[in-house]
Amino acid sequence: MIRLTVAEIAQIINAEIIDLDPAAVISEYPEIDSRKISLGSFFVALPGERVDGNNYAKEAIAKGARFAITTVNLGIPSFVVANAGEALATLAEVVRARMTHCTFIGITGSHGKTTTKDLLGHILSIRGECVVPSGSFNNEIGVPLTILHCTELTQFCVVEMGARHMGDITNLCKIAKPHIGIVLVVGTAHLGEFGSREAIARTKSELINSLPEHGVAILGSYDALTPLMGEGSSRKRIIFGEKSSCDVRAADLEFREGLAHFDLVSVSGRAPVALRLLGAHQVANALAAAATALEVGISIESVAAALSTAEPRSKWRMELHDVDELLIINDSYNANPESVQAALRTLVLLTQERGGSSWAILGKMHELGESEREEHLQIGRLASELGVDHLVAVGTELYLDGLHLDPADGDEMLTHYFLTQEEALEALAHIQRGDVLLVKASRAEHLDELAEKLLAKWQVEQE
């Protein structure tokens, strides 16, 4: 965190100081999980649905936290406030206002936010210190935590912004005040909450509408609504994608072993990129990061080189496990119709190269509202159209309900349904060397556990 005295912090968050020198200088960063506390951090005791952060404050101090922000006097070095969450947000807002040396970048979109911010952080680090969220810290707690990791040396801060309701992103922008806003795509994630793509688009456009008049909008061309954001304002608009009309685009795109190779093209030139991230959908994420990096003055050659060295960072997102000629794609962190479609295409690409059978092991996609049944059925149909050999539904029959396959019409995909992961694990005894397995579902389905069990079982069987 940027340096503030204890007295300054107390005034900012309207706190009572307990066992701290008012003149002492604070530069530690915040943690909300006492298990992650280390030297150089402080603890914020947030209320939870099942636990009260105040109950872990003493443990945090014992582990090395310099102080805690609590709502009760526990007799430990602390700032006692009325509401810890509001104190965290207020502190972040003031810190942000003092960071005139730093460029703040907001990212939103129905999918791809986490990968894009990881890529962007990797590229921007060429220029100077860059702070990016740890994991999916994209809400009213995560955004302040990200900002409070900045120091006087931080030149870029990338803030991931999610939304559950209209106005959520506007509120996050009041704290982060981004100079640059990236909207990746308007998809169907959270369709059940917003009701329509148009409502999702209005929510995502809050980021662009919150930019200053001299701000920059980085907009994807992968749906009809995103490229229209910010029209009519004085804000600079940069469109990225694979069309020749895009300001930043991918040309001569091809795939080798599921990895994208293309030329990055912009007004500043052309440079080759060879991604190390699996899947066709990674091209859009790479272009968004590239467009932003080019805008802040990094050369196209440096951007292309950085994209070509970026490794996967976030767990359970298109993780590849290649063991004894079996390839498992663990993409179980999250799922929506667009990301499942992209994952299926990657599955088919990799299977064609390896010569075995393709297995799409899918759990339920959540938060689709009234379109839930149709969206799942469309995925089942797409799997057949793409030539997936086995569609395995785990815990839901939605992918198969209404799916009519006729071998006479060339529908050769085999379908399987299992109520539990244990049943699926036993039934998947027919996988062979050369096969490729995709495991994907919304996080709440915990299919990461099935992926790990499949891998462990295969390793034992090959010994």
Protein backbone atom coordinates (compact mmCIF):
# COMPACT_ATOMS: atom_id res chain seq x y z
CA MET A 1 0.00 0.00 0.00
CA ILE A 2 1.14 3.60 -0.46
CA ARG A 3 2.52 5.03 2.73
CA LEU A 4 0.07 6.53 5.22
CA THR A 5 0.42 7.26 8.89
CA VAL A 6 -1.75 5.53 11.46
CA ALA A 7 -3.39 8.87 12.22
CA GLU A 8 -4.18 9.42 8.52
CA ILE A 9 -5.78 5.99 8.18
CA ALA A 10 -7.82 6.49 11.33
CA GLN A 11 -9.14 9.78 10.00
CA ILE A 12 -9.93 8.29 6.56
CA ILE A 13 -11.93 5.35 7.91
CA ASN A 14 -13.22 7.08 11.06
CA ALA A 15 -11.57 4.54 13.37
CA GLU A 16 -10.53 4.25 16.99
CA ILE A 17 -6.80 3.46 17.25
CA ILE A 18 -5.89 0.54 19.51
CA ASP A 19 -2.24 -0.08 20.52
CA LEU A 20 -0.74 1.71 17.50
CA ASP A 21 1.49 4.80 17.35
CA PRO A 22 -0.45 7.55 15.50
CA ALA A 23 2.80 8.76 13.92
CA ALA A 24 3.84 5.32 12.65
CA VAL A 25 3.94 4.85 8.88
CA ILE A 26 1.87 2.04 7.36
CA SER A 27 2.75 0.43 4.01
CA GLU A 28 1.44 -3.13 4.47
CA TYR A 29 -1.12 -4.73 2.14
CA PRO A 30 -4.53 -6.12 3.20
CA GLU A 31 -5.68 -9.73 3.56
CA ILE A 32 -9.19 -10.93 4.37
CA ASP A 33 -8.22 -14.59 4.90
CA SER A 34 -6.25 -15.20 8.09
CA ARG A 35 -4.71 -18.32 6.52
CA LYS A 36 -2.89 -16.12 3.98
CA ILE A 37 -1.42 -13.70 6.49
CA SER A 38 2.32 -13.14 6.36
CA LEU A 39 4.78 -10.46 7.37
CA GLY A 40 4.06 -7.26 5.48
CA SER A 41 0.27 -7.62 5.62
CA PHE A 42 -2.66 -6.47 7.72
CA PHE A 43 -5.97 -8.20 8.37
CA VAL A 44 -9.45 -6.92 7.55
CA ALA A 45 -12.08 -8.65 9.69
CA LEU A 46 -15.05 -8.87 7.34
CA PRO A 47 -18.39 -10.37 8.36
CA GLY A 48 -19.34 -13.59 6.55
CA GLU A 49 -22.41 -15.74 6.13
CA ARG A 50 -21.05 -18.38 8.48
CA VAL A 51 -18.09 -16.78 10.25
CA ASP A 52 -17.15 -13.42 11.73
CA GLY A 53 -13.74 -12.09 10.74
CA ASN A 54 -13.31 -10.62 14.21
CA ASN A 55 -12.92 -14.18 15.49
CA TYR A 56 -9.74 -14.59 13.41
CA ALA A 57 -8.10 -11.24 14.10
CA LYS A 58 -5.94 -12.43 17.00
CA GLU A 59 -4.80 -15.41 14.92
CA ALA A 60 -3.85 -13.02 12.11
CA ILE A 61 -1.75 -10.90 14.47
CA ALA A 62 -0.02 -14.03 15.76
CA LYS A 63 0.85 -15.00 12.18
CA GLY A 64 2.54 -11.69 11.49
CA ALA A 65 -0.14 -9.16 10.56
CA ARG A 66 0.94 -5.71 11.73
CA PHE A 67 -2.61 -4.75 12.70
CA ALA A 68 -6.25 -5.53 12.00
CA ILE A 69 -9.32 -3.56 11.01
CA THR A 70 -12.09 -4.83 13.29
CA THR A 71 -15.52 -3.82 14.52
CA VAL A 72 -14.78 -4.64 18.18
CA ASN A 73 -11.89 -3.86 20.52
CA LEU A 74 -10.01 -7.14 20.87
CA GLY A 75 -7.02 -5.69 22.72
CA ILE A 76 -4.74 -6.13 19.69
CA PRO A 77 -3.11 -3.52 17.41
CA SER A 78 -6.10 -2.43 15.37
CA PHE A 79 -8.41 0.17 13.90
CA VAL A 80 -11.91 -0.28 15.29
CA VAL A 81 -14.61 0.83 12.84
CA ALA A 82 -18.37 0.58 12.48
CA ASN A 83 -18.21 -1.45 9.26
CA ALA A 84 -15.02 -3.19 8.06
CA GLY A 85 -16.19 -3.55 4.46
CA GLU A 86 -17.05 0.11 4.14
CA ALA A 87 -13.74 1.04 5.77
CA LEU A 88 -11.87 -1.07 3.21
CA ALA A 89 -13.68 0.61 0.31
CA THR A 90 -13.17 4.13 1.73
CA LEU A 91 -9.47 3.53 2.29
CA ALA A 92 -9.08 2.22 -1.26
CA GLU A 93 -10.92 5.22 -2.70
CA VAL A 94 -8.62 7.67 -0.94
CA VAL A 95 -5.50 5.70 -1.89
CA ARG A 96 -6.67 5.63 -5.51
CA ALA A 97 -7.16 9.41 -5.52
CA ARG A 98 -3.57 9.93 -4.37
CA MET A 99 -2.09 7.62 -7.03
CA THR A 100 -1.72 10.18 -9.79
CA HIS A 101 1.42 8.36 -11.01
CA CYS A 102 -0.50 5.17 -11.90
CA THR A 103 -2.70 4.18 -14.88
CA PHE A 104 -5.81 2.30 -13.80
CA ILE A 105 -7.38 -0.21 -16.20
CA GLY A 106 -10.81 -1.79 -15.71
CA ILE A 107 -11.82 -5.10 -17.31
CA THR A 108 -15.32 -6.55 -17.62
CA GLY A 109 -17.16 -8.97 -19.88
CA SER A 110 -19.25 -12.11 -19.70
CA HIS A 111 -16.15 -14.30 -19.88
CA GLY A 112 -12.39 -14.04 -20.33
CA LYS A 113 -11.77 -11.42 -17.63
CA THR A 114 -9.33 -13.45 -15.57
CA THR A 115 -7.20 -14.67 -18.47
CA THR A 116 -7.12 -11.18 -20.00
CA LYS A 117 -5.98 -9.52 -16.79
CA ASP A 118 -3.28 -12.19 -16.39
CA LEU A 119 -2.04 -11.56 -19.94
CA LEU A 120 -2.21 -7.81 -19.50
CA GLY A 121 -0.27 -7.96 -16.26
CA HIS A 122 2.42 -10.03 -17.97
CA ILE A 123 2.77 -7.52 -20.83
CA LEU A 124 2.61 -4.33 -18.73
CA SER A 125 5.36 -5.63 -16.44
CA ILE A 126 7.72 -4.86 -19.33
CA ARG A 127 7.17 -1.17 -18.64
CA GLY A 128 7.07 -1.14 -14.85
CA GLU A 129 5.44 -2.46 -11.69
CA CYS A 130 1.93 -3.74 -12.40
CA VAL A 131 -0.68 -4.86 -9.89
CA VAL A 132 -3.34 -7.34 -11.02
CA PRO A 133 -6.02 -9.08 -8.94
CA SER A 134 -5.23 -12.37 -7.30
CA GLY A 135 -7.82 -14.83 -8.61
CA SER A 136 -11.25 -13.42 -9.48
CA PHE A 137 -11.22 -10.44 -7.12
CA ASN A 138 -13.88 -8.54 -9.06
CA ASN A 139 -16.45 -7.27 -6.55
CA GLU A 140 -16.89 -4.64 -3.85
CA ILE A 141 -14.27 -6.41 -1.72
CA GLY A 142 -11.88 -7.58 -4.44
CA VAL A 143 -11.49 -4.21 -6.16
CA PRO A 144 -10.41 -2.36 -2.98
CA LEU A 145 -8.04 -5.21 -2.12
CA THR A 146 -6.42 -4.91 -5.53
CA ILE A 147 -5.99 -1.13 -5.25
CA LEU A 148 -4.50 -1.40 -1.77
CA HIS A 149 -1.75 -3.66 -3.12
CA CYS A 150 -0.40 -0.68 -5.08
CA THR A 151 2.68 1.20 -3.93
CA GLU A 152 4.41 4.43 -4.90
CA LEU A 153 6.27 2.41 -7.56
CA THR A 154 3.16 0.94 -9.20
CA GLN A 155 2.72 2.22 -12.74
CA PHE A 156 -0.29 0.13 -13.76
CA CYS A 157 -3.20 -1.32 -11.80
CA VAL A 158 -5.55 -3.74 -13.55
CA VAL A 159 -8.96 -4.03 -11.89
CA GLU A 160 -11.33 -6.87 -12.79
CA MET A 161 -15.02 -5.89 -12.53
CA GLY A 162 -17.90 -8.32 -12.27
CA ALA A 163 -21.59 -7.58 -11.79
CA ARG A 164 -24.64 -9.28 -10.35
CA HIS A 165 -26.94 -6.28 -10.64
CA MET A 166 -27.30 -3.06 -12.57
CA GLY A 167 -25.13 -0.39 -10.96
CA ASP A 168 -22.50 -2.77 -9.57
CA ILE A 169 -19.84 -1.72 -12.07
CA THR A 170 -20.70 1.96 -11.65
CA ASN A 171 -20.06 1.60 -7.92
CA LEU A 172 -16.75 -0.17 -8.52
CA CYS A 173 -15.72 2.60 -10.92
CA LYS A 174 -16.36 5.20 -8.23
CA ILE A 175 -13.59 3.50 -6.25
CA ALA A 176 -11.16 2.58 -9.05
CA LYS A 177 -11.75 5.53 -11.42
CA PRO A 178 -10.16 3.73 -14.41
CA HIS A 179 -8.47 5.62 -17.24
CA ILE A 180 -8.95 2.69 -19.65
CA GLY A 181 -11.97 0.39 -19.81
CA ILE A 182 -11.97 -3.03 -21.51
CA VAL A 183 -15.23 -4.79 -22.39
CA LEU A 184 -14.50 -8.23 -23.80
CA VAL A 185 -17.88 -9.58 -24.82
CA VAL A 186 -21.56 -9.56 -23.91
CA GLY A 187 -22.58 -13.17 -23.52
CA THR A 188 -25.12 -15.18 -21.57
CA ALA A 189 -23.33 -15.53 -18.24
CA HIS A 190 -25.76 -14.39 -15.50
CA LEU A 191 -28.60 -14.25 -18.04
CA GLY A 192 -30.91 -15.57 -15.33
CA GLU A 193 -30.23 -12.51 -13.20
CA PHE A 194 -30.32 -9.82 -15.88
CA GLY A 195 -33.04 -11.28 -18.11
CA SER A 196 -31.60 -10.34 -21.52
CA ARG A 197 -28.35 -9.72 -23.38
CA GLU A 198 -29.37 -6.08 -23.73
CA ALA A 199 -29.58 -5.73 -19.95
CA ILE A 200 -26.17 -7.40 -19.60
CA ALA A 201 -24.78 -4.98 -22.20
CA ARG A 202 -26.16 -1.97 -20.31
CA THR A 203 -24.48 -3.24 -17.16
CA LYS A 204 -21.12 -3.88 -18.85
CA SER A 205 -21.28 -0.46 -20.54
CA GLU A 206 -21.27 1.16 -17.09
CA LEU A 207 -17.49 0.77 -17.24
CA ILE A 208 -17.24 2.75 -20.48
CA ASN A 209 -19.74 5.39 -19.33
CA SER A 210 -17.73 5.88 -16.12
CA LEU A 211 -14.48 6.67 -17.95
CA PRO A 212 -13.33 10.29 -18.01
CA GLU A 213 -13.96 12.13 -21.25
CA HIS A 214 -10.31 11.64 -22.20
CA GLY A 215 -10.50 7.95 -21.30
CA VAL A 216 -10.03 5.02 -23.68
CA ALA A 217 -12.53 2.23 -24.40
CA ILE A 218 -11.08 -1.11 -25.57
CA LEU A 219 -14.00 -3.03 -27.11
CA GLY A 220 -14.35 -6.55 -28.45
CA SER A 221 -16.03 -7.29 -31.79
CA TYR A 222 -17.33 -10.72 -30.80
CA ASP A 223 -20.97 -9.73 -30.35
CA ALA A 224 -23.26 -7.06 -31.78
CA LEU A 225 -23.56 -4.94 -28.64
CA THR A 226 -20.04 -4.39 -27.31
CA PRO A 227 -18.65 -2.43 -30.31
CA LEU A 228 -21.42 0.15 -29.89
CA MET A 229 -20.42 1.13 -26.36
CA GLY A 230 -19.25 4.70 -25.95
CA GLU A 231 -20.53 5.85 -29.33
CA GLY A 232 -21.25 9.57 -29.42
CA SER A 233 -18.85 10.44 -26.58
CA SER A 234 -15.43 12.04 -26.81
CA ARG A 235 -13.76 8.92 -25.46
CA LYS A 236 -11.30 7.17 -27.71
CA ARG A 237 -12.66 3.80 -28.90
CA ILE A 238 -10.42 0.90 -30.02
CA ILE A 239 -12.08 -2.19 -31.49
CA PHE A 240 -10.23 -5.52 -31.39
CA GLY A 241 -11.01 -8.80 -33.12
CA GLU A 242 -10.36 -10.88 -36.19
CA LYS A 243 -12.14 -8.73 -38.79
CA SER A 244 -10.14 -6.60 -41.21
CA SER A 245 -12.01 -3.52 -39.96
CA CYS A 246 -10.75 -3.90 -36.38
CA ASP A 247 -8.17 -1.44 -35.05
CA VAL A 248 -6.20 -4.27 -33.45
CA ARG A 249 -6.63 -7.67 -35.05
CA ALA A 250 -5.32 -11.19 -35.56
CA ALA A 251 -4.36 -12.03 -39.14
CA ASP A 252 -3.32 -15.36 -40.71
CA LEU A 253 -4.73 -17.24 -37.72
CA GLU A 254 -3.99 -20.97 -37.43
CA PHE A 255 -3.87 -23.57 -34.67
CA ARG A 256 -1.14 -26.05 -33.82
CA GLU A 257 -1.88 -28.56 -31.06
CA GLY A 258 -4.73 -26.32 -29.94
CA LEU A 259 -2.51 -23.24 -29.62
CA ALA A 260 -3.16 -20.12 -31.68
CA HIS A 261 -0.54 -18.67 -34.00
CA PHE A 262 -1.28 -15.35 -35.70
CA ASP A 263 0.09 -11.98 -36.74
CA LEU A 264 -0.81 -9.12 -34.41
CA VAL A 265 -1.77 -6.17 -36.61
CA SER A 266 -2.37 -2.52 -35.70
CA VAL A 267 -1.59 0.92 -37.09
CA SER A 268 1.83 0.59 -35.44
CA GLY A 269 2.82 -2.48 -37.45
CA ARG A 270 2.65 -6.26 -37.58
CA ALA A 271 4.34 -8.90 -35.42
CA PRO A 272 3.99 -12.70 -35.02
CA VAL A 273 2.40 -14.25 -31.91
CA ALA A 274 2.48 -17.88 -30.77
CA LEU A 275 0.23 -18.28 -27.74
CA ARG A 276 0.93 -20.83 -25.03
CA LEU A 277 -2.68 -20.69 -23.85
CA LEU A 278 -4.98 -23.45 -25.10
CA GLY A 279 -8.06 -22.74 -27.20
CA ALA A 280 -9.42 -20.53 -29.95
CA HIS A 281 -11.12 -18.27 -27.41
CA GLN A 282 -7.72 -17.16 -26.10
CA VAL A 283 -7.20 -15.10 -29.26
CA ALA A 284 -9.82 -12.56 -28.14
CA ASN A 285 -8.26 -12.33 -24.67
CA ALA A 286 -4.81 -11.81 -26.18
CA LEU A 287 -6.07 -9.11 -28.53
CA ALA A 288 -7.75 -7.23 -25.69
CA ALA A 289 -4.52 -7.26 -23.69
CA ALA A 290 -2.52 -6.29 -26.77
CA ALA A 291 -4.78 -3.36 -27.66
CA THR A 292 -4.43 -1.99 -24.13
CA ALA A 293 -0.66 -2.40 -24.02
CA LEU A 294 -0.28 -0.70 -27.40
CA GLU A 295 -2.41 2.18 -26.15
CA VAL A 296 -0.09 2.85 -23.20
CA GLY A 297 2.92 2.98 -25.53
CA ILE A 298 4.46 -0.49 -25.54
CA SER A 299 5.80 -1.43 -28.98
CA ILE A 300 3.98 -4.03 -31.05
CA GLU A 301 7.13 -6.19 -31.16
CA SER A 302 7.34 -6.19 -27.35
CA VAL A 303 3.62 -6.92 -27.00
CA ALA A 304 3.83 -9.87 -29.41
CA ALA A 305 6.90 -11.26 -27.66
CA ALA A 306 5.24 -11.01 -24.25
CA LEU A 307 2.07 -12.73 -25.48
CA SER A 308 4.22 -15.54 -26.84
CA THR A 309 5.86 -16.15 -23.46
CA ALA A 310 2.77 -15.86 -21.23
CA GLU A 311 1.96 -19.09 -19.40
CA PRO A 312 -1.39 -20.14 -17.88
CA ARG A 313 -1.66 -18.68 -14.37
CA SER A 314 -5.16 -19.31 -13.05
CA LYS A 315 -6.09 -22.75 -11.79
CA TRP A 316 -8.64 -25.00 -13.55
CA ARG A 317 -8.79 -22.86 -16.69
CA MET A 318 -7.90 -25.03 -19.68
CA GLU A 319 -5.28 -26.89 -17.65
CA LEU A 320 -3.61 -29.61 -19.72
CA HIS A 321 -2.56 -32.92 -18.18
CA ASP A 322 -0.82 -35.18 -20.69
CA VAL A 323 -0.03 -38.48 -18.97
CA ASP A 324 0.79 -41.77 -20.67
CA GLU A 325 -0.85 -40.71 -23.94
CA LEU A 326 -4.08 -39.54 -22.29
CA LEU A 327 -4.83 -35.82 -22.47
CA ILE A 328 -7.17 -34.29 -19.87
CA ILE A 329 -8.34 -30.68 -20.29
CA ASN A 330 -9.43 -29.44 -16.87
CA ASP A 331 -11.56 -26.35 -17.50
CA SER A 332 -13.77 -26.76 -14.46
CA TYR A 333 -13.49 -23.29 -12.92
CA ASN A 334 -16.58 -21.90 -14.61
CA ALA A 335 -18.95 -22.47 -17.51
CA ASN A 336 -21.37 -20.53 -19.66
CA PRO A 337 -22.61 -21.32 -23.18
CA GLU A 338 -19.88 -19.34 -24.92
CA SER A 339 -17.00 -20.80 -22.93
CA VAL A 340 -18.33 -24.36 -23.30
CA GLN A 341 -18.64 -23.87 -27.06
CA ALA A 342 -15.02 -22.69 -27.21
CA ALA A 343 -13.86 -25.60 -25.06
CA LEU A 344 -15.66 -28.14 -27.28
CA ARG A 345 -13.97 -26.76 -30.39
CA THR A 346 -10.61 -27.03 -28.67
CA LEU A 347 -11.41 -30.61 -27.65
CA VAL A 348 -12.15 -31.57 -31.24
CA LEU A 349 -9.01 -29.85 -32.55
CA LEU A 350 -6.76 -31.69 -30.11
CA THR A 351 -8.46 -35.03 -30.72
CA GLN A 352 -7.99 -34.73 -34.47
CA GLU A 353 -4.28 -34.22 -33.94
CA ARG A 354 -3.91 -37.16 -31.53
CA GLY A 355 -6.13 -39.67 -33.34
CA GLY A 356 -8.08 -41.00 -30.35
CA SER A 357 -11.65 -40.42 -29.15
CA SER A 358 -13.01 -37.18 -27.73
CA TRP A 359 -14.89 -37.14 -24.42
CA ALA A 360 -16.85 -34.04 -23.38
CA ILE A 361 -17.54 -34.52 -19.66
CA LEU A 362 -19.92 -31.72 -18.76
CA GLY A 363 -21.71 -30.60 -15.61
CA LYS A 364 -24.45 -28.04 -15.29
CA MET A 365 -24.08 -24.41 -16.38
CA HIS A 366 -25.61 -22.16 -13.71
CA GLU A 367 -27.40 -18.78 -13.73
CA LEU A 368 -29.09 -19.14 -17.13
CA GLY A 369 -32.61 -18.45 -15.93
CA GLU A 370 -35.48 -19.30 -18.25
CA SER A 371 -33.09 -20.15 -21.10
CA GLU A 372 -31.41 -22.90 -19.07
CA ARG A 373 -32.97 -25.86 -20.87
CA GLU A 374 -32.43 -24.51 -24.37
CA GLU A 375 -28.85 -23.38 -23.72
CA HIS A 376 -27.86 -26.82 -22.44
CA LEU A 377 -29.60 -28.54 -25.34
CA GLN A 378 -27.79 -26.29 -27.82
CA ILE A 379 -24.48 -27.40 -26.33
CA GLY A 380 -25.51 -31.03 -26.80
CA ARG A 381 -26.38 -30.34 -30.43
CA LEU A 382 -23.12 -28.49 -31.02
CA ALA A 383 -21.12 -31.39 -29.58
CA SER A 384 -22.72 -33.69 -32.13
CA GLU A 385 -22.20 -31.23 -35.01
CA LEU A 386 -18.52 -30.85 -34.13
CA GLY A 387 -18.00 -34.60 -34.12
CA VAL A 388 -17.45 -35.20 -30.41
CA ASP A 389 -17.32 -38.96 -29.87
CA HIS A 390 -18.73 -39.12 -26.33
CA LEU A 391 -20.91 -36.59 -24.52
CA VAL A 392 -20.91 -37.40 -20.80
CA ALA A 393 -23.42 -35.48 -18.68
CA VAL A 394 -22.66 -35.53 -14.95
CA GLY A 395 -25.33 -34.52 -12.45
CA THR A 396 -27.72 -33.13 -15.07
CA GLU A 397 -29.64 -34.49 -18.05
CA LEU A 398 -30.16 -31.03 -19.55
CA TYR A 399 -27.59 -31.61 -22.30
CA LEU A 400 -29.44 -34.74 -23.40
CA ASP A 401 -33.10 -33.86 -22.80
CA GLY A 402 -34.55 -33.34 -26.27
CA LEU A 403 -31.34 -34.31 -28.06
CA HIS A 404 -32.35 -36.62 -30.90
CA LEU A 405 -29.43 -38.30 -32.61
CA ASP A 406 -29.95 -40.41 -35.73
CA PRO A 407 -26.96 -42.43 -36.99
CA ALA A 408 -28.65 -42.49 -40.41
CA ASP A 409 -28.14 -38.72 -40.54
CA GLY A 410 -24.50 -39.04 -39.52
CA ASP A 411 -25.07 -38.45 -35.79
CA GLU A 412 -22.45 -40.81 -34.37
CA MET A 413 -21.92 -39.23 -30.97
CA LEU A 414 -22.55 -41.54 -28.00
CA THR A 415 -24.27 -40.01 -24.97
CA HIS A 416 -23.95 -40.98 -21.32
CA TYR A 417 -25.61 -39.70 -18.15
CA PHE A 418 -24.39 -40.23 -14.61
CA LEU A 419 -26.00 -38.82 -11.50
CA THR A 420 -22.79 -38.74 -9.45
CA GLN A 421 -19.10 -38.27 -10.06
CA GLU A 422 -18.47 -41.74 -8.64
CA GLU A 423 -20.71 -43.33 -11.27
CA ALA A 424 -18.98 -41.34 -13.99
CA LEU A 425 -15.56 -42.34 -12.75
CA GLU A 426 -16.43 -46.04 -12.88
CA ALA A 427 -18.04 -45.79 -16.32
CA LEU A 428 -15.09 -43.98 -17.82
CA ALA A 429 -13.05 -47.15 -17.67
CA HIS A 430 -13.24 -47.38 -21.45
CA ILE A 431 -10.92 -44.48 -22.16
CA GLN A 432 -7.80 -45.42 -24.08
CA ARG A 433 -4.40 -44.06 -25.00
CA GLY A 434 -4.75 -41.24 -27.50
CA ASP A 435 -8.10 -40.10 -26.12
CA VAL A 436 -8.75 -36.50 -25.09
CA LEU A 437 -11.05 -35.65 -22.16
CA LEU A 438 -12.60 -32.25 -21.52
CA VAL A 439 -13.98 -31.66 -18.01
CA LYS A 440 -16.09 -28.51 -17.72
CA ALA A 441 -18.94 -27.16 -15.59
CA SER A 442 -19.86 -24.22 -13.41
CA ARG A 443 -17.66 -24.03 -10.33
CA ALA A 444 -20.47 -25.07 -7.99
CA GLU A 445 -20.52 -28.53 -9.62
CA HIS A 446 -16.98 -29.26 -8.34
CA LEU A 447 -15.95 -31.15 -11.46
CA ASP A 448 -12.34 -30.23 -10.68
CA GLU A 449 -12.56 -33.12 -8.22
CA LEU A 450 -13.63 -35.49 -10.99
CA ALA A 451 -10.76 -34.30 -13.21
CA GLU A 452 -8.26 -35.00 -10.45
CA LYS A 453 -9.76 -38.45 -9.79
CA LEU A 454 -9.70 -39.33 -13.48
CA LEU A 455 -6.06 -38.37 -13.72
CA ALA A 456 -5.12 -40.30 -10.58
CA LYS A 457 -7.04 -43.40 -11.73
CA TRP A 458 -5.40 -43.36 -15.14
CA GLN A 459 -1.93 -43.04 -13.62
CA VAL A 460 -2.56 -46.02 -11.35
CA GLU A 461 -3.89 -48.15 -14.21
CA GLN A 462 -0.82 -47.41 -16.35
CA GLU A 463 1.67 -48.50 -13.68
